[in-house]
Amino acid sequence: MKTKQPEQSNEATPVDFEKSLTELETLVQKLEQGDVPLEEALKTFERGVALTRQCQTALRTAQQKVEVLLAQSGKSGEETVAPFDDDEDADDAGR
């Protein structure tokens, strides 16, 4: 009898991201309470660092996909969207 393998889809990453982010928020709340024993706090912090890395990787992957899609739409003659530039805050400060 053949077992069904979980399907890999583009939607797996957002679900993993959301779960990781939710778990990370829970860990932060736990640590902020301040009543966690040192050993448990260290383990919790270590897990939080791992979750942060997972979230950053998922966000980088999503950003790369967006950039590829924008590059493809630019080649096809469609309207393109300028990449996000965080320097807008600096422009606003100079006004």
N, C-alpha and C. Protein backbone atom coordinates (compact mmCIF):
# COMPACT_ATOMS: atom_id res chain seq x y z
N MET A 1 0.84 -1.18 0.00
CA MET A 1 0.00 0.00 0.00
C MET A 1 0.89 1.24 0.00
N LYS A 2 0.58 2.15 -0.85
CA LYS A 2 1.38 3.36 -1.02
C LYS A 2 0.87 4.46 -0.09
N THR A 3 1.80 5.09 0.65
CA THR A 3 1.40 6.19 1.52
C THR A 3 1.51 7.49 0.76
N LYS A 4 0.61 8.38 1.05
CA LYS A 4 0.59 9.66 0.37
C LYS A 4 1.62 10.60 1.00
N GLN A 5 2.48 11.16 0.19
CA GLN A 5 3.48 12.11 0.64
C GLN A 5 2.86 13.49 0.71
N PRO A 6 3.26 14.29 1.68
CA PRO A 6 2.74 15.66 1.71
C PRO A 6 3.19 16.41 0.47
N GLU A 7 2.26 17.17 -0.08
CA GLU A 7 2.56 17.91 -1.31
C GLU A 7 3.35 19.15 -0.99
N GLN A 8 4.32 19.43 -1.83
CA GLN A 8 5.08 20.66 -1.73
C GLN A 8 4.38 21.68 -2.61
N SER A 9 3.98 22.77 -2.03
CA SER A 9 3.32 23.80 -2.81
C SER A 9 3.88 25.15 -2.43
N ASN A 10 3.55 26.13 -3.23
CA ASN A 10 4.00 27.49 -2.95
C ASN A 10 3.36 28.03 -1.68
N GLU A 11 2.25 27.45 -1.26
CA GLU A 11 1.55 27.94 -0.09
C GLU A 11 2.11 27.34 1.20
N ALA A 12 3.02 26.36 1.10
CA ALA A 12 3.60 25.76 2.30
C ALA A 12 4.45 26.78 3.05
N THR A 13 5.18 27.60 2.34
CA THR A 13 6.07 28.57 2.97
C THR A 13 5.28 29.58 3.81
N PRO A 14 4.21 30.21 3.29
CA PRO A 14 3.48 31.16 4.12
C PRO A 14 2.90 30.52 5.39
N VAL A 15 2.42 29.27 5.27
CA VAL A 15 1.88 28.60 6.45
C VAL A 15 2.99 28.40 7.47
N ASP A 16 4.14 27.92 7.03
CA ASP A 16 5.27 27.73 7.92
C ASP A 16 5.70 29.07 8.52
N PHE A 17 5.70 30.10 7.72
CA PHE A 17 6.07 31.43 8.21
C PHE A 17 5.11 31.87 9.30
N GLU A 18 3.83 31.73 9.05
CA GLU A 18 2.82 32.16 10.02
C GLU A 18 2.94 31.36 11.32
N LYS A 19 3.15 30.05 11.19
CA LYS A 19 3.30 29.22 12.39
C LYS A 19 4.55 29.62 13.17
N SER A 20 5.63 29.83 12.45
CA SER A 20 6.88 30.22 13.10
C SER A 20 6.74 31.56 13.80
N LEU A 21 6.10 32.50 13.13
CA LEU A 21 5.91 33.83 13.70
C LEU A 21 5.03 33.77 14.94
N THR A 22 3.98 32.98 14.89
CA THR A 22 3.09 32.83 16.05
C THR A 22 3.83 32.22 17.22
N GLU A 23 4.61 31.17 16.94
CA GLU A 23 5.38 30.53 18.01
C GLU A 23 6.41 31.51 18.59
N LEU A 24 7.03 32.28 17.71
CA LEU A 24 8.02 33.25 18.17
C LEU A 24 7.37 34.30 19.08
N GLU A 25 6.21 34.77 18.71
CA GLU A 25 5.50 35.75 19.53
C GLU A 25 5.17 35.16 20.91
N THR A 26 4.78 33.89 20.93
CA THR A 26 4.47 33.22 22.19
C THR A 26 5.72 33.11 23.07
N LEU A 27 6.85 32.77 22.45
CA LEU A 27 8.10 32.66 23.20
C LEU A 27 8.53 34.01 23.78
N VAL A 28 8.35 35.07 22.99
CA VAL A 28 8.71 36.41 23.47
C VAL A 28 7.85 36.78 24.68
N GLN A 29 6.56 36.52 24.60
CA GLN A 29 5.68 36.83 25.72
C GLN A 29 6.10 36.06 26.97
N LYS A 30 6.47 34.80 26.77
CA LYS A 30 6.89 33.95 27.89
C LYS A 30 8.15 34.54 28.54
N LEU A 31 9.11 34.94 27.71
CA LEU A 31 10.35 35.49 28.25
C LEU A 31 10.14 36.86 28.91
N GLU A 32 9.22 37.65 28.36
CA GLU A 32 8.96 38.98 28.91
C GLU A 32 8.32 38.92 30.29
N GLN A 33 7.68 37.81 30.61
CA GLN A 33 7.07 37.68 31.94
C GLN A 33 8.14 37.66 33.03
N GLY A 34 9.32 37.16 32.67
CA GLY A 34 10.44 37.21 33.61
C GLY A 34 10.47 36.15 34.68
N ASP A 35 9.51 35.26 34.71
CA ASP A 35 9.50 34.24 35.76
C ASP A 35 9.92 32.86 35.24
N VAL A 36 10.69 32.84 34.17
CA VAL A 36 11.16 31.59 33.57
C VAL A 36 12.54 31.25 34.16
N PRO A 37 12.74 30.02 34.61
CA PRO A 37 14.05 29.63 35.12
C PRO A 37 15.13 29.79 34.04
N LEU A 38 16.35 30.03 34.46
CA LEU A 38 17.44 30.35 33.54
C LEU A 38 17.60 29.30 32.44
N GLU A 39 17.65 28.03 32.79
CA GLU A 39 17.85 26.98 31.78
C GLU A 39 16.72 26.99 30.75
N GLU A 40 15.50 27.13 31.23
CA GLU A 40 14.36 27.16 30.32
C GLU A 40 14.38 28.43 29.47
N ALA A 41 14.80 29.53 30.07
CA ALA A 41 14.90 30.79 29.33
C ALA A 41 15.93 30.67 28.20
N LEU A 42 17.05 30.02 28.48
CA LEU A 42 18.07 29.83 27.45
C LEU A 42 17.56 28.96 26.31
N LYS A 43 16.86 27.87 26.66
CA LYS A 43 16.29 27.00 25.63
C LYS A 43 15.24 27.75 24.82
N THR A 44 14.44 28.54 25.49
CA THR A 44 13.40 29.33 24.82
C THR A 44 14.04 30.35 23.89
N PHE A 45 15.08 31.01 24.38
CA PHE A 45 15.79 31.99 23.56
C PHE A 45 16.41 31.33 22.33
N GLU A 46 17.02 30.16 22.53
CA GLU A 46 17.63 29.42 21.42
C GLU A 46 16.58 29.06 20.37
N ARG A 47 15.42 28.63 20.82
CA ARG A 47 14.33 28.31 19.89
C ARG A 47 13.87 29.58 19.16
N GLY A 48 13.83 30.68 19.87
CA GLY A 48 13.44 31.95 19.27
C GLY A 48 14.40 32.38 18.18
N VAL A 49 15.69 32.18 18.42
CA VAL A 49 16.69 32.52 17.40
C VAL A 49 16.49 31.66 16.15
N ALA A 50 16.23 30.36 16.35
CA ALA A 50 16.00 29.47 15.21
C ALA A 50 14.75 29.89 14.44
N LEU A 51 13.70 30.24 15.15
CA LEU A 51 12.46 30.68 14.49
C LEU A 51 12.67 31.99 13.73
N THR A 52 13.46 32.89 14.32
CA THR A 52 13.76 34.16 13.65
C THR A 52 14.47 33.89 12.33
N ARG A 53 15.42 32.98 12.35
CA ARG A 53 16.14 32.64 11.11
C ARG A 53 15.21 32.03 10.08
N GLN A 54 14.30 31.17 10.53
CA GLN A 54 13.32 30.58 9.60
C GLN A 54 12.46 31.66 8.96
N CYS A 55 12.00 32.59 9.78
CA CYS A 55 11.16 33.68 9.27
C CYS A 55 11.93 34.56 8.29
N GLN A 56 13.18 34.87 8.62
CA GLN A 56 13.99 35.70 7.73
C GLN A 56 14.22 34.99 6.39
N THR A 57 14.46 33.69 6.44
CA THR A 57 14.65 32.93 5.20
C THR A 57 13.37 32.94 4.37
N ALA A 58 12.23 32.73 5.01
CA ALA A 58 10.96 32.74 4.29
C ALA A 58 10.70 34.11 3.66
N LEU A 59 11.02 35.18 4.39
CA LEU A 59 10.82 36.53 3.85
C LEU A 59 11.76 36.80 2.68
N ARG A 60 13.01 36.35 2.79
CA ARG A 60 13.96 36.53 1.68
C ARG A 60 13.49 35.79 0.43
N THR A 61 13.00 34.57 0.64
CA THR A 61 12.49 33.78 -0.48
C THR A 61 11.31 34.47 -1.14
N ALA A 62 10.40 34.98 -0.34
CA ALA A 62 9.24 35.70 -0.88
C ALA A 62 9.69 36.94 -1.64
N GLN A 63 10.66 37.67 -1.10
CA GLN A 63 11.17 38.87 -1.76
C GLN A 63 11.79 38.53 -3.11
N GLN A 64 12.55 37.44 -3.16
CA GLN A 64 13.16 37.02 -4.42
C GLN A 64 12.10 36.67 -5.46
N LYS A 65 11.05 35.99 -5.02
CA LYS A 65 9.96 35.65 -5.94
C LYS A 65 9.30 36.91 -6.49
N VAL A 66 9.07 37.89 -5.62
CA VAL A 66 8.46 39.15 -6.06
C VAL A 66 9.37 39.84 -7.07
N GLU A 67 10.67 39.87 -6.79
CA GLU A 67 11.61 40.52 -7.70
C GLU A 67 11.63 39.83 -9.06
N VAL A 68 11.56 38.50 -9.07
CA VAL A 68 11.52 37.76 -10.33
C VAL A 68 10.25 38.10 -11.09
N LEU A 69 9.14 38.13 -10.38
CA LEU A 69 7.86 38.45 -11.04
C LEU A 69 7.87 39.86 -11.61
N LEU A 70 8.44 40.79 -10.85
CA LEU A 70 8.52 42.17 -11.34
C LEU A 70 9.43 42.26 -12.55
N ALA A 71 10.52 41.52 -12.54
CA ALA A 71 11.44 41.54 -13.68
C ALA A 71 10.77 40.94 -14.91
N GLN A 72 10.00 39.87 -14.71
CA GLN A 72 9.30 39.25 -15.83
C GLN A 72 8.23 40.16 -16.39
N SER A 73 7.51 40.86 -15.52
CA SER A 73 6.46 41.75 -16.01
C SER A 73 7.06 42.93 -16.75
N GLY A 74 8.25 43.35 -16.38
CA GLY A 74 8.92 44.45 -17.08
C GLY A 74 9.33 44.05 -18.48
N LYS A 75 9.70 42.80 -18.68
CA LYS A 75 10.11 42.31 -19.99
C LYS A 75 8.93 42.16 -20.94
N SER A 76 7.75 41.91 -20.38
CA SER A 76 6.58 41.69 -21.23
C SER A 76 5.89 42.99 -21.63
N GLY A 77 6.46 44.13 -21.22
CA GLY A 77 5.90 45.41 -21.60
C GLY A 77 4.80 45.91 -20.70
N GLU A 78 4.52 45.16 -19.63
CA GLU A 78 3.50 45.60 -18.69
C GLU A 78 4.09 46.67 -17.77
N GLU A 79 3.19 47.36 -17.09
CA GLU A 79 3.62 48.39 -16.14
C GLU A 79 4.43 47.73 -15.03
N THR A 80 5.54 48.35 -14.64
CA THR A 80 6.35 47.79 -13.58
C THR A 80 6.23 48.63 -12.32
N VAL A 81 6.53 48.01 -11.22
CA VAL A 81 6.48 48.68 -9.93
C VAL A 81 7.92 48.88 -9.48
N ALA A 82 8.23 50.07 -9.01
CA ALA A 82 9.59 50.35 -8.55
C ALA A 82 9.86 49.58 -7.26
N PRO A 83 11.08 49.09 -7.08
CA PRO A 83 11.39 48.37 -5.85
C PRO A 83 11.28 49.28 -4.64
N PHE A 84 10.93 48.71 -3.52
CA PHE A 84 10.78 49.46 -2.29
C PHE A 84 12.13 50.02 -1.88
N ASP A 85 12.17 51.29 -1.55
CA ASP A 85 13.39 51.93 -1.12
C ASP A 85 13.14 52.56 0.24
N ASP A 86 13.89 52.13 1.23
CA ASP A 86 13.68 52.58 2.61
C ASP A 86 14.22 53.98 2.84
N ASP A 87 14.77 54.61 1.81
CA ASP A 87 15.32 55.95 1.95
C ASP A 87 14.23 57.02 1.96
N GLU A 88 12.98 56.64 1.80
CA GLU A 88 11.88 57.60 1.81
C GLU A 88 11.82 58.34 3.13
N ASP A 89 12.15 57.64 4.23
CA ASP A 89 12.13 58.28 5.54
C ASP A 89 13.14 59.43 5.58
N ALA A 90 14.28 59.24 4.94
CA ALA A 90 15.30 60.28 4.92
C ALA A 90 14.81 61.48 4.11
N ASP A 91 14.06 61.21 3.01
CA ASP A 91 13.52 62.30 2.21
C ASP A 91 12.50 63.11 3.01
N ASP A 92 11.67 62.41 3.77
CA ASP A 92 10.66 63.09 4.57
C ASP A 92 11.29 63.93 5.66
N ALA A 93 12.41 63.49 6.22
CA ALA A 93 13.07 64.22 7.29
C ALA A 93 13.66 65.54 6.80
N GLY A 94 14.02 65.59 5.51
CA GLY A 94 14.62 66.79 4.97
C GLY A 94 13.63 67.85 4.60
N ARG A 95 12.37 67.56 4.68
CA ARG A 95 11.34 68.54 4.29
C ARG A 95 11.01 69.48 5.40
